[in-house]
C-alpha atoms as a PDB file:
ATOM      1  CA  MET A   1      66.981 166.889  50.716  1.00  0.00           C
ATOM      2  CA  LEU A   2      70.441 166.021  51.919  1.00  0.00           C
ATOM      3  CA  PRO A   3      71.449 167.240  55.330  1.00  0.00           C
ATOM      4  CA  LYS A   4      74.091 169.891  55.770  1.00  0.00           C
ATOM      5  CA  TYR A   5      76.773 167.336  56.253  1.00  0.00           C
ATOM      6  CA  GLU A   6      77.877 164.329  54.435  1.00  0.00           C
ATOM      7  CA  SER A   7      76.645 161.573  56.548  1.00  0.00           C
ATOM      8  CA  TYR A   8      77.328 157.578  56.569  1.00  0.00           C
ATOM      9  CA  LEU A   9      75.295 155.083  58.535  1.00  0.00           C
ATOM     10  CA  ILE A  10      77.425 152.773  60.461  1.00  0.00           C
ATOM     11  CA  GLY A  11      76.567 149.602  62.384  1.00  0.00           C
ATOM     12  CA  GLN A  12      77.643 146.314  63.837  1.00  0.00           C
ATOM     13  CA  PHE A  13      75.818 143.100  63.759  1.00  0.00           C
ATOM     14  CA  ASP A  14      77.688 140.358  65.537  1.00  0.00           C
ATOM     15  CA  ASN A  15      77.004 136.681  65.307  1.00  0.00           C
ATOM     16  CA  ILE A  16      74.899 136.867  62.257  1.00  0.00           C
ATOM     17  CA  PRO A  17      75.300 133.439  60.367  1.00  0.00           C
ATOM     18  CA  ASP A  18      76.546 133.726  56.688  1.00  0.00           C
ATOM     19  CA  ASN A  19      73.408 132.025  55.387  1.00  0.00           C
ATOM     20  CA  TYR A  20      71.087 134.489  57.174  1.00  0.00           C
ATOM     21  CA  LYS A  21      68.279 135.818  55.011  1.00  0.00           C
ATOM     22  CA  PRO A  22      65.184 137.662  56.516  1.00  0.00           C
ATOM     23  CA  THR A  23      61.948 135.539  55.812  1.00  0.00           C
ATOM     24  CA  GLU A  24      59.389 138.207  56.776  1.00  0.00           C
ATOM     25  CA  LYS A  25      58.584 141.211  54.526  1.00  0.00           C
ATOM     26  CA  SER A  26      58.728 143.432  57.620  1.00  0.00           C
ATOM     27  CA  PHE A  27      60.607 142.888  60.815  1.00  0.00           C
ATOM     28  CA  CYS A  28      58.375 145.462  62.631  1.00  0.00           C
ATOM     29  CA  LYS A  29      55.438 143.894  64.356  1.00  0.00           C
ATOM     30  CA  LYS A  30      52.312 146.013  64.716  1.00  0.00           C
ATOM     31  CA  TYR A  31      51.373 147.106  68.044  1.00  0.00           C
ATOM     32  CA  ASP A  32      48.177 148.908  69.215  1.00  0.00           C
ATOM     33  CA  SER A  33      50.315 150.762  71.861  1.00  0.00           C
ATOM     34  CA  ASP A  34      53.995 151.385  72.544  1.00  0.00           C
ATOM     35  CA  PRO A  35      54.846 148.481  74.950  1.00  0.00           C
ATOM     36  CA  PHE A  36      58.464 149.677  75.410  1.00  0.00           C
ATOM     37  CA  GLY A  37      57.808 153.264  76.484  1.00  0.00           C
ATOM     38  CA  LYS A  38      59.316 156.415  74.995  1.00  0.00           C
ATOM     39  CA  PHE A  39      62.388 154.789  73.713  1.00  0.00           C
ATOM     40  CA  GLY A  40      61.483 151.584  72.049  1.00  0.00           C
ATOM     41  CA  GLY A  41      58.573 150.534  69.959  1.00  0.00           C
ATOM     42  CA  LYS A  42      59.023 149.301  66.461  1.00  0.00           C
ATOM     43  CA  ILE A  43      62.502 150.423  66.050  1.00  0.00           C
ATOM     44  CA  HIS A  44      63.347 148.492  69.163  1.00  0.00           C
ATOM     45  CA  GLU A  45      61.534 145.459  67.836  1.00  0.00           C
ATOM     46  CA  TYR A  46      63.485 145.821  64.327  1.00  0.00           C
ATOM     47  CA  PHE A  47      66.836 145.723  65.980  1.00  0.00           C
ATOM     48  CA  GLY A  48      65.739 142.708  67.959  1.00  0.00           C
ATOM     49  CA  LEU A  49      68.492 141.254  70.263  1.00  0.00           C
ATOM     50  CA  SER A  50      71.482 142.669  68.633  1.00  0.00           C
ATOM     51  CA  TYR A  51      73.703 145.043  70.259  1.00  0.00           C
ATOM     52  CA  ALA A  52      73.779 147.304  67.175  1.00  0.00           C
ATOM     53  CA  ASN A  53      73.694 151.069  67.894  1.00  0.00           C
ATOM     54  CA  PHE A  54      73.280 152.024  64.118  1.00  0.00           C
ATOM     55  CA  LEU A  55      71.416 150.924  61.137  1.00  0.00           C
ATOM     56  CA  VAL A  56      73.341 150.478  57.870  1.00  0.00           C
ATOM     57  CA  LEU A  57      71.574 150.817  54.660  1.00  0.00           C
ATOM     58  CA  PRO A  58      73.530 150.393  51.331  1.00  0.00           C
ATOM     59  CA  ARG A  59      72.869 153.184  48.888  1.00  0.00           C
ATOM     60  CA  VAL A  60      72.917 150.779  45.949  1.00  0.00           C
ATOM     61  CA  ILE A  61      70.219 148.700  47.589  1.00  0.00           C
ATOM     62  CA  MET A  62      68.062 151.693  48.510  1.00  0.00           C
ATOM     63  CA  GLU A  63      68.361 152.991  44.939  1.00  0.00           C
ATOM     64  CA  SER A  64      67.073 149.619  43.642  1.00  0.00           C
ATOM     65  CA  MET A  65      63.806 150.046  45.238  1.00  0.00           C
ATOM     66  CA  SER A  66      60.673 151.751  43.634  1.00  0.00           C
ATOM     67  CA  ASN A  67      60.489 155.471  43.432  1.00  0.00           C
ATOM     68  CA  GLU A  68      57.518 155.283  45.745  1.00  0.00           C
ATOM     69  CA  TRP A  69      59.659 153.502  48.411  1.00  0.00           C
ATOM     70  CA  GLN A  70      62.514 155.893  47.859  1.00  0.00           C
ATOM     71  CA  THR A  71      60.215 158.941  48.339  1.00  0.00           C
ATOM     72  CA  LYS A  72      59.004 157.534  51.556  1.00  0.00           C
ATOM     73  CA  MET A  73      62.421 156.734  52.863  1.00  0.00           C
ATOM     74  CA  CYS A  74      63.752 160.209  51.888  1.00  0.00           C
ATOM     75  CA  ASP A  75      60.904 161.914  53.633  1.00  0.00           C
ATOM     76  CA  LEU A  76      61.557 159.931  56.845  1.00  0.00           C
ATOM     77  CA  LEU A  77      65.206 160.591  56.804  1.00  0.00           C
ATOM     78  CA  SER A  78      64.414 164.436  56.146  1.00  0.00           C
ATOM     79  CA  GLU A  79      62.092 164.221  59.193  1.00  0.00           C
ATOM     80  CA  LEU A  80      64.636 162.774  61.303  1.00  0.00           C
ATOM     81  CA  ASN A  81      67.418 165.190  60.426  1.00  0.00           C
ATOM     82  CA  GLU A  82      64.891 168.143  60.796  1.00  0.00           C
ATOM     83  CA  THR A  83      64.133 166.808  64.321  1.00  0.00           C
ATOM     84  CA  PHE A  84      67.693 166.077  65.534  1.00  0.00           C
ATOM     85  CA  ASP A  85      70.998 167.759  64.759  1.00  0.00           C
ATOM     86  CA  TRP A  86      72.763 164.525  65.824  1.00  0.00           C
ATOM     87  CA  LEU A  87      76.055 164.510  64.082  1.00  0.00           C
ATOM     88  CA  PRO A  88      78.428 167.433  64.594  1.00  0.00           C
ATOM     89  CA  ASP A  89      79.848 169.065  61.342  1.00  0.00           C
ATOM     90  CA  ASP A  90      83.463 167.865  62.220  1.00  0.00           C
ATOM     91  CA  ILE A  91      82.588 164.144  62.695  1.00  0.00           C
ATOM     92  CA  ASP A  92      82.667 161.502  60.031  1.00  0.00           C
ATOM     93  CA  LEU A  93      81.286 158.076  60.341  1.00  0.00           C
ATOM     94  CA  TYR A  94      82.351 154.966  58.173  1.00  0.00           C
ATOM     95  CA  VAL A  95      81.332 151.449  57.740  1.00  0.00           C
ATOM     96  CA  GLN A  96      83.462 148.305  58.201  1.00  0.00           C
ATOM     97  CA  MET A  97      82.565 144.619  57.661  1.00  0.00           C
ATOM     98  CA  ARG A  98      83.606 141.986  59.974  1.00  0.00           C
ATOM     99  CA  LYS A  99      83.616 138.213  59.651  1.00  0.00           C
ATOM    100  CA  ASP A 100      84.375 136.051  62.539  1.00  0.00           C
ATOM    101  CA  GLY A 101      85.450 139.014  64.336  1.00  0.00           C
ATOM    102  CA  LYS A 102      88.067 140.266  61.716  1.00  0.00           C
ATOM    103  CA  ILE A 103      87.688 143.224  59.551  1.00  0.00           C
ATOM    104  CA  ILE A 104      87.223 142.356  55.967  1.00  0.00           C
ATOM    105  CA  LYS A 105      86.832 144.305  52.701  1.00  0.00           C
ATOM    106  CA  LEU A 106      83.462 145.730  51.794  1.00  0.00           C
ATOM    107  CA  ILE A 107      81.430 143.705  49.409  1.00  0.00           C
ATOM    108  CA  PRO A 108      82.226 145.431  46.064  1.00  0.00           C
ATOM    109  CA  GLU A 109      78.590 145.178  44.685  1.00  0.00           C
ATOM    110  CA  LEU A 110      77.378 147.047  47.709  1.00  0.00           C
ATOM    111  CA  CYS A 111      79.815 150.110  47.104  1.00  0.00           C
ATOM    112  CA  ASN A 112      79.212 150.499  43.429  1.00  0.00           C
ATOM    113  CA  TYR A 113      76.181 152.607  43.476  1.00  0.00           C
ATOM    114  CA  ARG A 114      77.225 154.498  40.197  1.00  0.00           C
ATOM    115  CA  HIS A 115      77.283 151.272  38.143  1.00  0.00           C
ATOM    116  CA  PRO A 116      75.133 148.711  39.949  1.00  0.00           C
ATOM    117  CA  ASP A 117      75.591 145.048  39.137  1.00  0.00           C
ATOM    118  CA  GLU A 118      71.860 144.368  38.211  1.00  0.00           C
ATOM    119  CA  ASP A 119      72.374 140.712  37.936  1.00  0.00           C
ATOM    120  CA  TRP A 120      73.721 140.581  41.436  1.00  0.00           C
ATOM    121  CA  LEU A 121      70.875 142.830  42.603  1.00  0.00           C
ATOM    122  CA  GLU A 122      68.477 140.414  41.030  1.00  0.00           C
ATOM    123  CA  SER A 123      70.136 137.437  42.644  1.00  0.00           C
ATOM    124  CA  ILE A 124      69.709 138.723  46.219  1.00  0.00           C
ATOM    125  CA  LYS A 125      66.045 139.843  45.932  1.00  0.00           C
ATOM    126  CA  THR A 126      63.842 138.112  48.433  1.00  0.00           C
ATOM    127  CA  ASP A 127      60.550 139.427  46.697  1.00  0.00           C
ATOM    128  CA  GLU A 128      60.248 139.085  42.977  1.00  0.00           C
ATOM    129  CA  SER A 129      57.413 141.491  42.815  1.00  0.00           C
ATOM    130  CA  ILE A 130      59.588 144.553  43.489  1.00  0.00           C
END
């Protein structure tokens, strides 16, 4: 279920090396309790030491995940949108990429969800079982 507005997720991740690739399957550590209080926890841990305020998830990447994963993700996003009316109807967000502090063009393979480049998607997979 899509929210009543067309939304875009935007974020900024400064000082990430070009050769950065996550090595763990999940960035979220498991905690028995919430050590960060009301506003923290696993999401705080996922963002780590970055100053990012938003999470950017390319549609083409998410649509490349299994149907089971997509269902879970959509359920969670629906729950978030049902809990918070966080974006006014007259506001749009957009994504920009930066390298060395300069705005660059978006990576074309990340923008083309209608005709995904399957070879490119396979080349960036870190888990061959997916």
